[in-house]
Amino acid sequence: SNGDLGGMILFGAFLVYGVVDRIAVKRRGDVG
């Protein structure tokens, strides 16, 4: 819902982090 460059970088960074961190905790066997 945000088309400006700053918003795309900010929210995109959080989305990438969320996806990568989920992969990392799964690899560690962390089932929460």
PDB file of all heavy atoms in Angstrom:
ATOM      1  N   SER A   1       0.803  -1.225   0.000  1.00  0.00           N
ATOM      2  CA  SER A   1       0.000   0.000   0.000  1.00  0.00           C
ATOM      3  C   SER A   1       0.840   1.280   0.000  1.00  0.00           C
ATOM      4  O   SER A   1       0.296   2.379   0.075  1.00  0.00           O
ATOM      5  CB  SER A   1      -0.950   0.010   1.206  1.00  0.00           C
ATOM      6  OG  SER A   1      -0.222  -0.038   2.424  1.00  0.00           O
ATOM      7  N   ASN A   2       2.171   1.150  -0.064  1.00  0.00           N
ATOM      8  CA  ASN A   2       3.044   2.316  -0.115  1.00  0.00           C
ATOM      9  C   ASN A   2       3.938   2.221  -1.342  1.00  0.00           C
ATOM     10  O   ASN A   2       4.694   1.258  -1.484  1.00  0.00           O
ATOM     11  CB  ASN A   2       3.912   2.397   1.143  1.00  0.00           C
ATOM     12  CG  ASN A   2       3.140   2.855   2.362  1.00  0.00           C
ATOM     13  OD1 ASN A   2       3.042   4.039   2.661  1.00  0.00           O
ATOM     14  ND2 ASN A   2       2.560   1.890   3.079  1.00  0.00           N
ATOM     15  N   GLY A   3       3.844   3.217  -2.194  1.00  0.00           N
ATOM     16  CA  GLY A   3       4.609   3.179  -3.440  1.00  0.00           C
ATOM     17  C   GLY A   3       5.832   4.064  -3.468  1.00  0.00           C
ATOM     18  O   GLY A   3       6.532   4.112  -4.484  1.00  0.00           O
ATOM     19  N   ASP A   4       6.120   4.773  -2.370  1.00  0.00           N
ATOM     20  CA  ASP A   4       7.312   5.612  -2.361  1.00  0.00           C
ATOM     21  C   ASP A   4       8.549   4.771  -2.062  1.00  0.00           C
ATOM     22  O   ASP A   4       8.471   3.730  -1.423  1.00  0.00           O
ATOM     23  CB  ASP A   4       7.173   6.744  -1.344  1.00  0.00           C
ATOM     24  CG  ASP A   4       7.020   6.216   0.078  1.00  0.00           C
ATOM     25  OD1 ASP A   4       5.945   5.688   0.389  1.00  0.00           O
ATOM     26  OD2 ASP A   4       7.981   6.326   0.868  1.00  0.00           O
ATOM     27  N   LEU A   5       9.698   5.240  -2.500  1.00  0.00           N
ATOM     28  CA  LEU A   5      10.935   4.474  -2.380  1.00  0.00           C
ATOM     29  C   LEU A   5      11.280   4.161  -0.931  1.00  0.00           C
ATOM     30  O   LEU A   5      11.655   3.030  -0.599  1.00  0.00           O
ATOM     31  CB  LEU A   5      12.086   5.244  -3.037  1.00  0.00           C
ATOM     32  CG  LEU A   5      13.456   4.565  -3.001  1.00  0.00           C
ATOM     33  CD1 LEU A   5      13.416   3.233  -3.730  1.00  0.00           C
ATOM     34  CD2 LEU A   5      14.515   5.487  -3.606  1.00  0.00           C
ATOM     35  N   GLY A   6      11.146   5.157  -0.048  1.00  0.00           N
ATOM     36  CA  GLY A   6      11.463   4.942   1.358  1.00  0.00           C
ATOM     37  C   GLY A   6      10.594   3.872   1.987  1.00  0.00           C
ATOM     38  O   GLY A   6      11.084   2.999   2.710  1.00  0.00           O
ATOM     39  N   GLY A   7       9.298   3.924   1.712  1.00  0.00           N
ATOM     40  CA  GLY A   7       8.381   2.937   2.261  1.00  0.00           C
ATOM     41  C   GLY A   7       8.669   1.540   1.735  1.00  0.00           C
ATOM     42  O   GLY A   7       8.612   0.558   2.475  1.00  0.00           O
ATOM     43  N   MET A   8       8.996   1.445   0.457  1.00  0.00           N
ATOM     44  CA  MET A   8       9.295   0.147  -0.132  1.00  0.00           C
ATOM     45  C   MET A   8      10.553  -0.459   0.484  1.00  0.00           C
ATOM     46  O   MET A   8      10.622  -1.663   0.741  1.00  0.00           O
ATOM     47  CB  MET A   8       9.441   0.286  -1.650  1.00  0.00           C
ATOM     48  CG  MET A   8       8.141   0.657  -2.356  1.00  0.00           C
ATOM     49  SD  MET A   8       8.345   0.906  -4.131  1.00  0.00           S
ATOM     50  CE  MET A   8       8.649  -0.778  -4.649  1.00  0.00           C
ATOM     51  N   ILE A   9      11.554   0.384   0.740  1.00  0.00           N
ATOM     52  CA  ILE A   9      12.785  -0.110   1.367  1.00  0.00           C
ATOM     53  C   ILE A   9      12.518  -0.529   2.809  1.00  0.00           C
ATOM     54  O   ILE A   9      12.922  -1.619   3.240  1.00  0.00           O
ATOM     55  CB  ILE A   9      13.887   0.973   1.332  1.00  0.00           C
ATOM     56  CG1 ILE A   9      14.319   1.243  -0.108  1.00  0.00           C
ATOM     57  CG2 ILE A   9      15.082   0.547   2.180  1.00  0.00           C
ATOM     58  CD1 ILE A   9      15.271   2.416  -0.249  1.00  0.00           C
ATOM     59  N   LEU A  10      11.834   0.328   3.571  1.00  0.00           N
ATOM     60  CA  LEU A  10      11.589   0.059   4.988  1.00  0.00           C
ATOM     61  C   LEU A  10      10.745  -1.194   5.189  1.00  0.00           C
ATOM     62  O   LEU A  10      11.150  -2.134   5.900  1.00  0.00           O
ATOM     63  CB  LEU A  10      10.900   1.264   5.631  1.00  0.00           C
ATOM     64  CG  LEU A  10      10.551   1.110   7.112  1.00  0.00           C
ATOM     65  CD1 LEU A  10      11.825   1.012   7.946  1.00  0.00           C
ATOM     66  CD2 LEU A  10       9.689   2.283   7.583  1.00  0.00           C
ATOM     67  N   PHE A  11       9.576  -1.222   4.577  1.00  0.00           N
ATOM     68  CA  PHE A  11       8.670  -2.351   4.784  1.00  0.00           C
ATOM     69  C   PHE A  11       9.182  -3.616   4.101  1.00  0.00           C
ATOM     70  O   PHE A  11       8.973  -4.726   4.596  1.00  0.00           O
ATOM     71  CB  PHE A  11       7.268  -1.989   4.298  1.00  0.00           C
ATOM     72  CG  PHE A  11       6.719  -0.762   4.967  1.00  0.00           C
ATOM     73  CD1 PHE A  11       6.310   0.346   4.229  1.00  0.00           C
ATOM     74  CD2 PHE A  11       6.632  -0.692   6.349  1.00  0.00           C
ATOM     75  CE1 PHE A  11       5.818   1.486   4.854  1.00  0.00           C
ATOM     76  CE2 PHE A  11       6.139   0.446   6.989  1.00  0.00           C
ATOM     77  CZ  PHE A  11       5.733   1.535   6.234  1.00  0.00           C
ATOM     78  N   GLY A  12       9.867  -3.444   2.969  1.00  0.00           N
ATOM     79  CA  GLY A  12      10.469  -4.587   2.307  1.00  0.00           C
ATOM     80  C   GLY A  12      11.544  -5.233   3.160  1.00  0.00           C
ATOM     81  O   GLY A  12      11.669  -6.460   3.207  1.00  0.00           O
ATOM     82  N   ALA A  13      12.328  -4.399   3.866  1.00  0.00           N
ATOM     83  CA  ALA A  13      13.383  -4.922   4.732  1.00  0.00           C
ATOM     84  C   ALA A  13      12.794  -5.743   5.872  1.00  0.00           C
ATOM     85  O   ALA A  13      13.309  -6.814   6.215  1.00  0.00           O
ATOM     86  CB  ALA A  13      14.225  -3.769   5.284  1.00  0.00           C
ATOM     87  N   PHE A  14      11.701  -5.245   6.468  1.00  0.00           N
ATOM     88  CA  PHE A  14      11.053  -5.994   7.551  1.00  0.00           C
ATOM     89  C   PHE A  14      10.473  -7.308   7.036  1.00  0.00           C
ATOM     90  O   PHE A  14      10.522  -8.333   7.728  1.00  0.00           O
ATOM     91  CB  PHE A  14       9.966  -5.153   8.207  1.00  0.00           C
ATOM     92  CG  PHE A  14      10.456  -4.265   9.304  1.00  0.00           C
ATOM     93  CD1 PHE A  14      10.690  -2.920   9.067  1.00  0.00           C
ATOM     94  CD2 PHE A  14      10.700  -4.769  10.577  1.00  0.00           C
ATOM     95  CE1 PHE A  14      11.159  -2.094  10.087  1.00  0.00           C
ATOM     96  CE2 PHE A  14      11.161  -3.957  11.598  1.00  0.00           C
ATOM     97  CZ  PHE A  14      11.398  -2.614  11.356  1.00  0.00           C
ATOM     98  N   LEU A  15       9.906  -7.296   5.824  1.00  0.00           N
ATOM     99  CA  LEU A  15       9.333  -8.515   5.267  1.00  0.00           C
ATOM    100  C   LEU A  15      10.425  -9.548   4.991  1.00  0.00           C
ATOM    101  O   LEU A  15      10.274 -10.734   5.321  1.00  0.00           O
ATOM    102  CB  LEU A  15       8.569  -8.199   3.980  1.00  0.00           C
ATOM    103  CG  LEU A  15       7.888  -9.384   3.288  1.00  0.00           C
ATOM    104  CD1 LEU A  15       6.906 -10.070   4.222  1.00  0.00           C
ATOM    105  CD2 LEU A  15       7.174  -8.921   2.019  1.00  0.00           C
ATOM    106  N   VAL A  16      11.523  -9.106   4.401  1.00  0.00           N
ATOM    107  CA  VAL A  16      12.641 -10.020   4.131  1.00  0.00           C
ATOM    108  C   VAL A  16      13.182 -10.592   5.437  1.00  0.00           C
ATOM    109  O   VAL A  16      13.446 -11.804   5.541  1.00  0.00           O
ATOM    110  CB  VAL A  16      13.761  -9.291   3.354  1.00  0.00           C
ATOM    111  CG1 VAL A  16      15.031 -10.152   3.311  1.00  0.00           C
ATOM    112  CG2 VAL A  16      13.304  -8.959   1.947  1.00  0.00           C
ATOM    113  N   TYR A  17      13.326  -9.721   6.443  1.00  0.00           N
ATOM    114  CA  TYR A  17      13.824 -10.207   7.731  1.00  0.00           C
ATOM    115  C   TYR A  17      12.890 -11.260   8.315  1.00  0.00           C
ATOM    116  O   TYR A  17      13.329 -12.297   8.813  1.00  0.00           O
ATOM    117  CB  TYR A  17      13.976  -9.054   8.723  1.00  0.00           C
ATOM    118  CG  TYR A  17      14.135  -9.546  10.142  1.00  0.00           C
ATOM    119  CD1 TYR A  17      15.310 -10.166  10.550  1.00  0.00           C
ATOM    120  CD2 TYR A  17      13.077  -9.450  11.061  1.00  0.00           C
ATOM    121  CE1 TYR A  17      15.439 -10.675  11.835  1.00  0.00           C
ATOM    122  CE2 TYR A  17      13.206  -9.950  12.339  1.00  0.00           C
ATOM    123  CZ  TYR A  17      14.396 -10.556  12.724  1.00  0.00           C
ATOM    124  OH  TYR A  17      14.515 -11.069  13.989  1.00  0.00           O
ATOM    125  N   GLY A  18      11.575 -10.995   8.263  1.00  0.00           N
ATOM    126  CA  GLY A  18      10.609 -11.940   8.818  1.00  0.00           C
ATOM    127  C   GLY A  18      10.681 -13.298   8.150  1.00  0.00           C
ATOM    128  O   GLY A  18      10.626 -14.337   8.814  1.00  0.00           O
ATOM    129  N   VAL A  19      10.825 -13.297   6.828  1.00  0.00           N
ATOM    130  CA  VAL A  19      10.904 -14.556   6.082  1.00  0.00           C
ATOM    131  C   VAL A  19      12.208 -15.289   6.393  1.00  0.00           C
ATOM    132  O   VAL A  19      12.221 -16.493   6.682  1.00  0.00           O
ATOM    133  CB  VAL A  19      10.792 -14.288   4.565  1.00  0.00           C
ATOM    134  CG1 VAL A  19      11.082 -15.564   3.776  1.00  0.00           C
ATOM    135  CG2 VAL A  19       9.411 -13.751   4.217  1.00  0.00           C
ATOM    136  N   VAL A  20      13.331 -14.552   6.360  1.00  0.00           N
ATOM    137  CA  VAL A  20      14.636 -15.170   6.598  1.00  0.00           C
ATOM    138  C   VAL A  20      14.745 -15.681   8.031  1.00  0.00           C
ATOM    139  O   VAL A  20      15.270 -16.783   8.277  1.00  0.00           O
ATOM    140  CB  VAL A  20      15.770 -14.169   6.295  1.00  0.00           C
ATOM    141  CG1 VAL A  20      17.130 -14.727   6.735  1.00  0.00           C
ATOM    142  CG2 VAL A  20      15.801 -13.834   4.806  1.00  0.00           C
ATOM    143  N   ASP A  21      14.254 -14.917   8.989  1.00  0.00           N
ATOM    144  CA  ASP A  21      14.351 -15.344  10.381  1.00  0.00           C
ATOM    145  C   ASP A  21      13.489 -16.579  10.631  1.00  0.00           C
ATOM    146  O   ASP A  21      13.861 -17.456  11.418  1.00  0.00           O
ATOM    147  CB  ASP A  21      13.926 -14.210  11.311  1.00  0.00           C
ATOM    148  CG  ASP A  21      14.344 -14.471  12.745  1.00  0.00           C
ATOM    149  OD1 ASP A  21      15.516 -14.825  12.967  1.00  0.00           O
ATOM    150  OD2 ASP A  21      13.502 -14.332  13.648  1.00  0.00           O
ATOM    151  N   ARG A  22      12.344 -16.663   9.956  1.00  0.00           N
ATOM    152  CA  ARG A  22      11.497 -17.856  10.103  1.00  0.00           C
ATOM    153  C   ARG A  22      12.216 -19.090   9.576  1.00  0.00           C
ATOM    154  O   ARG A  22      12.132 -20.178  10.159  1.00  0.00           O
ATOM    155  CB  ARG A  22      10.167 -17.651   9.363  1.00  0.00           C
ATOM    156  CG  ARG A  22       9.199 -18.823   9.513  1.00  0.00           C
ATOM    157  CD  ARG A  22       8.757 -18.952  10.959  1.00  0.00           C
ATOM    158  NE  ARG A  22       7.888 -20.102  11.173  1.00  0.00           N
ATOM    159  CZ  ARG A  22       8.310 -21.332  11.468  1.00  0.00           C
ATOM    160  NH1 ARG A  22       9.608 -21.590  11.576  1.00  0.00           N
ATOM    161  NH2 ARG A  22       7.433 -22.297  11.658  1.00  0.00           N
ATOM    162  N   ILE A  23      12.935 -18.934   8.469  1.00  0.00           N
ATOM    163  CA  ILE A  23      13.718 -20.042   7.928  1.00  0.00           C
ATOM    164  C   ILE A  23      14.819 -20.435   8.909  1.00  0.00           C
ATOM    165  O   ILE A  23      15.086 -21.620   9.132  1.00  0.00           O
ATOM    166  CB  ILE A  23      14.330 -19.647   6.564  1.00  0.00           C
ATOM    167  CG1 ILE A  23      13.217 -19.443   5.528  1.00  0.00           C
ATOM    168  CG2 ILE A  23      15.323 -20.704   6.093  1.00  0.00           C
ATOM    169  CD1 ILE A  23      13.701 -18.862   4.222  1.00  0.00           C
ATOM    170  N   ALA A  24      15.442 -19.411   9.527  1.00  0.00           N
ATOM    171  CA  ALA A  24      16.542 -19.663  10.462  1.00  0.00           C
ATOM    172  C   ALA A  24      16.063 -20.431  11.693  1.00  0.00           C
ATOM    173  O   ALA A  24      16.720 -21.387  12.125  1.00  0.00           O
ATOM    174  CB  ALA A  24      17.189 -18.348  10.877  1.00  0.00           C
ATOM    175  N   VAL A  25      14.922 -20.020  12.261  1.00  0.00           N
ATOM    176  CA  VAL A  25      14.444 -20.714  13.465  1.00  0.00           C
ATOM    177  C   VAL A  25      13.981 -22.129  13.125  1.00  0.00           C
ATOM    178  O   VAL A  25      14.101 -23.051  13.942  1.00  0.00           O
ATOM    179  CB  VAL A  25      13.304 -19.934  14.163  1.00  0.00           C
ATOM    180  CG1 VAL A  25      13.805 -18.589  14.661  1.00  0.00           C
ATOM    181  CG2 VAL A  25      12.099 -19.754  13.258  1.00  0.00           C
ATOM    182  N   LYS A  26      13.478 -22.332  11.917  1.00  0.00           N
ATOM    183  CA  LYS A  26      13.072 -23.677  11.507  1.00  0.00           C
ATOM    184  C   LYS A  26      14.284 -24.585  11.377  1.00  0.00           C
ATOM    185  O   LYS A  26      14.260 -25.750  11.778  1.00  0.00           O
ATOM    186  CB  LYS A  26      12.317 -23.608  10.179  1.00  0.00           C
ATOM    187  CG  LYS A  26      11.716 -24.939   9.749  1.00  0.00           C
ATOM    188  CD  LYS A  26      10.866 -24.784   8.497  1.00  0.00           C
ATOM    189  CE  LYS A  26      10.223 -26.103   8.115  1.00  0.00           C
ATOM    190  NZ  LYS A  26       9.364 -25.969   6.897  1.00  0.00           N
ATOM    191  N   ARG A  27      15.370 -24.036  10.832  1.00  0.00           N
ATOM    192  CA  ARG A  27      16.602 -24.818  10.703  1.00  0.00           C
ATOM    193  C   ARG A  27      17.188 -25.167  12.066  1.00  0.00           C
ATOM    194  O   ARG A  27      17.830 -26.207  12.221  1.00  0.00           O
ATOM    195  CB  ARG A  27      17.621 -24.039   9.874  1.00  0.00           C
ATOM    196  CG  ARG A  27      17.324 -24.009   8.382  1.00  0.00           C
ATOM    197  CD  ARG A  27      18.396 -23.265   7.621  1.00  0.00           C
ATOM    198  NE  ARG A  27      18.150 -23.317   6.179  1.00  0.00           N
ATOM    199  CZ  ARG A  27      18.911 -22.716   5.274  1.00  0.00           C
ATOM    200  NH1 ARG A  27      19.967 -22.012   5.663  1.00  0.00           N
ATOM    201  NH2 ARG A  27      18.620 -22.812   3.993  1.00  0.00           N
ATOM    202  N   ARG A  28      16.976 -24.299  13.048  1.00  0.00           N
ATOM    203  CA  ARG A  28      17.478 -24.575  14.393  1.00  0.00           C
ATOM    204  C   ARG A  28      16.602 -25.582  15.126  1.00  0.00           C
ATOM    205  O   ARG A  28      16.921 -26.020  16.224  1.00  0.00           O
ATOM    206  CB  ARG A  28      17.540 -23.276  15.222  1.00  0.00           C
ATOM    207  CG  ARG A  28      18.559 -22.275  14.759  1.00  0.00           C
ATOM    208  CD  ARG A  28      18.884 -21.276  15.864  1.00  0.00           C
ATOM    209  NE  ARG A  28      17.717 -20.581  16.364  1.00  0.00           N
ATOM    210  CZ  ARG A  28      17.274 -19.433  15.887  1.00  0.00           C
ATOM    211  NH1 ARG A  28      17.881 -18.856  14.859  1.00  0.00           N
ATOM    212  NH2 ARG A  28      16.202 -18.849  16.417  1.00  0.00           N
ATOM    213  N   GLY A  29      15.430 -25.905  14.546  1.00  0.00           N
ATOM    214  CA  GLY A  29      14.512 -26.828  15.203  1.00  0.00           C
ATOM    215  C   GLY A  29      13.688 -26.163  16.284  1.00  0.00           C
ATOM    216  O   GLY A  29      13.128 -26.845  17.141  1.00  0.00           O
ATOM    217  N   ASP A  30      13.586 -24.850  16.232  1.00  0.00           N
ATOM    218  CA  ASP A  30      12.819 -24.107  17.229  1.00  0.00           C
ATOM    219  C   ASP A  30      11.351 -24.135  16.838  1.00  0.00           C
ATOM    220  O   ASP A  30      10.946 -23.518  15.858  1.00  0.00           O
ATOM    221  CB  ASP A  30      13.334 -22.664  17.291  1.00  0.00           C
ATOM    222  CG  ASP A  30      12.643 -21.826  18.349  1.00  0.00           C
ATOM    223  OD1 ASP A  30      11.687 -22.327  18.969  1.00  0.00           O
ATOM    224  OD2 ASP A  30      13.059 -20.679  18.556  1.00  0.00           O
ATOM    225  N   VAL A  31      10.533 -24.850  17.604  1.00  0.00           N
ATOM    226  CA  VAL A  31       9.109 -24.968  17.279  1.00  0.00           C
ATOM    227  C   VAL A  31       8.259 -23.969  18.060  1.00  0.00           C
ATOM    228  O   VAL A  31       7.038 -24.044  18.064  1.00  0.00           O
ATOM    229  CB  VAL A  31       8.590 -26.400  17.540  1.00  0.00           C
ATOM    230  CG1 VAL A  31       9.293 -27.376  16.617  1.00  0.00           C
ATOM    231  CG2 VAL A  31       8.798 -26.800  18.996  1.00  0.00           C
ATOM    232  N   GLY A  32       8.916 -23.033  18.734  1.00  0.00           N
ATOM    233  CA  GLY A  32       8.181 -22.018  19.464  1.00  0.00           C
ATOM    234  C   GLY A  32       7.364 -22.603  20.592  1.00  0.00           C
ATOM    235  O   GLY A  32       7.849 -23.412  21.368  1.00  0.00           O
TER     236      GLY A  32
END
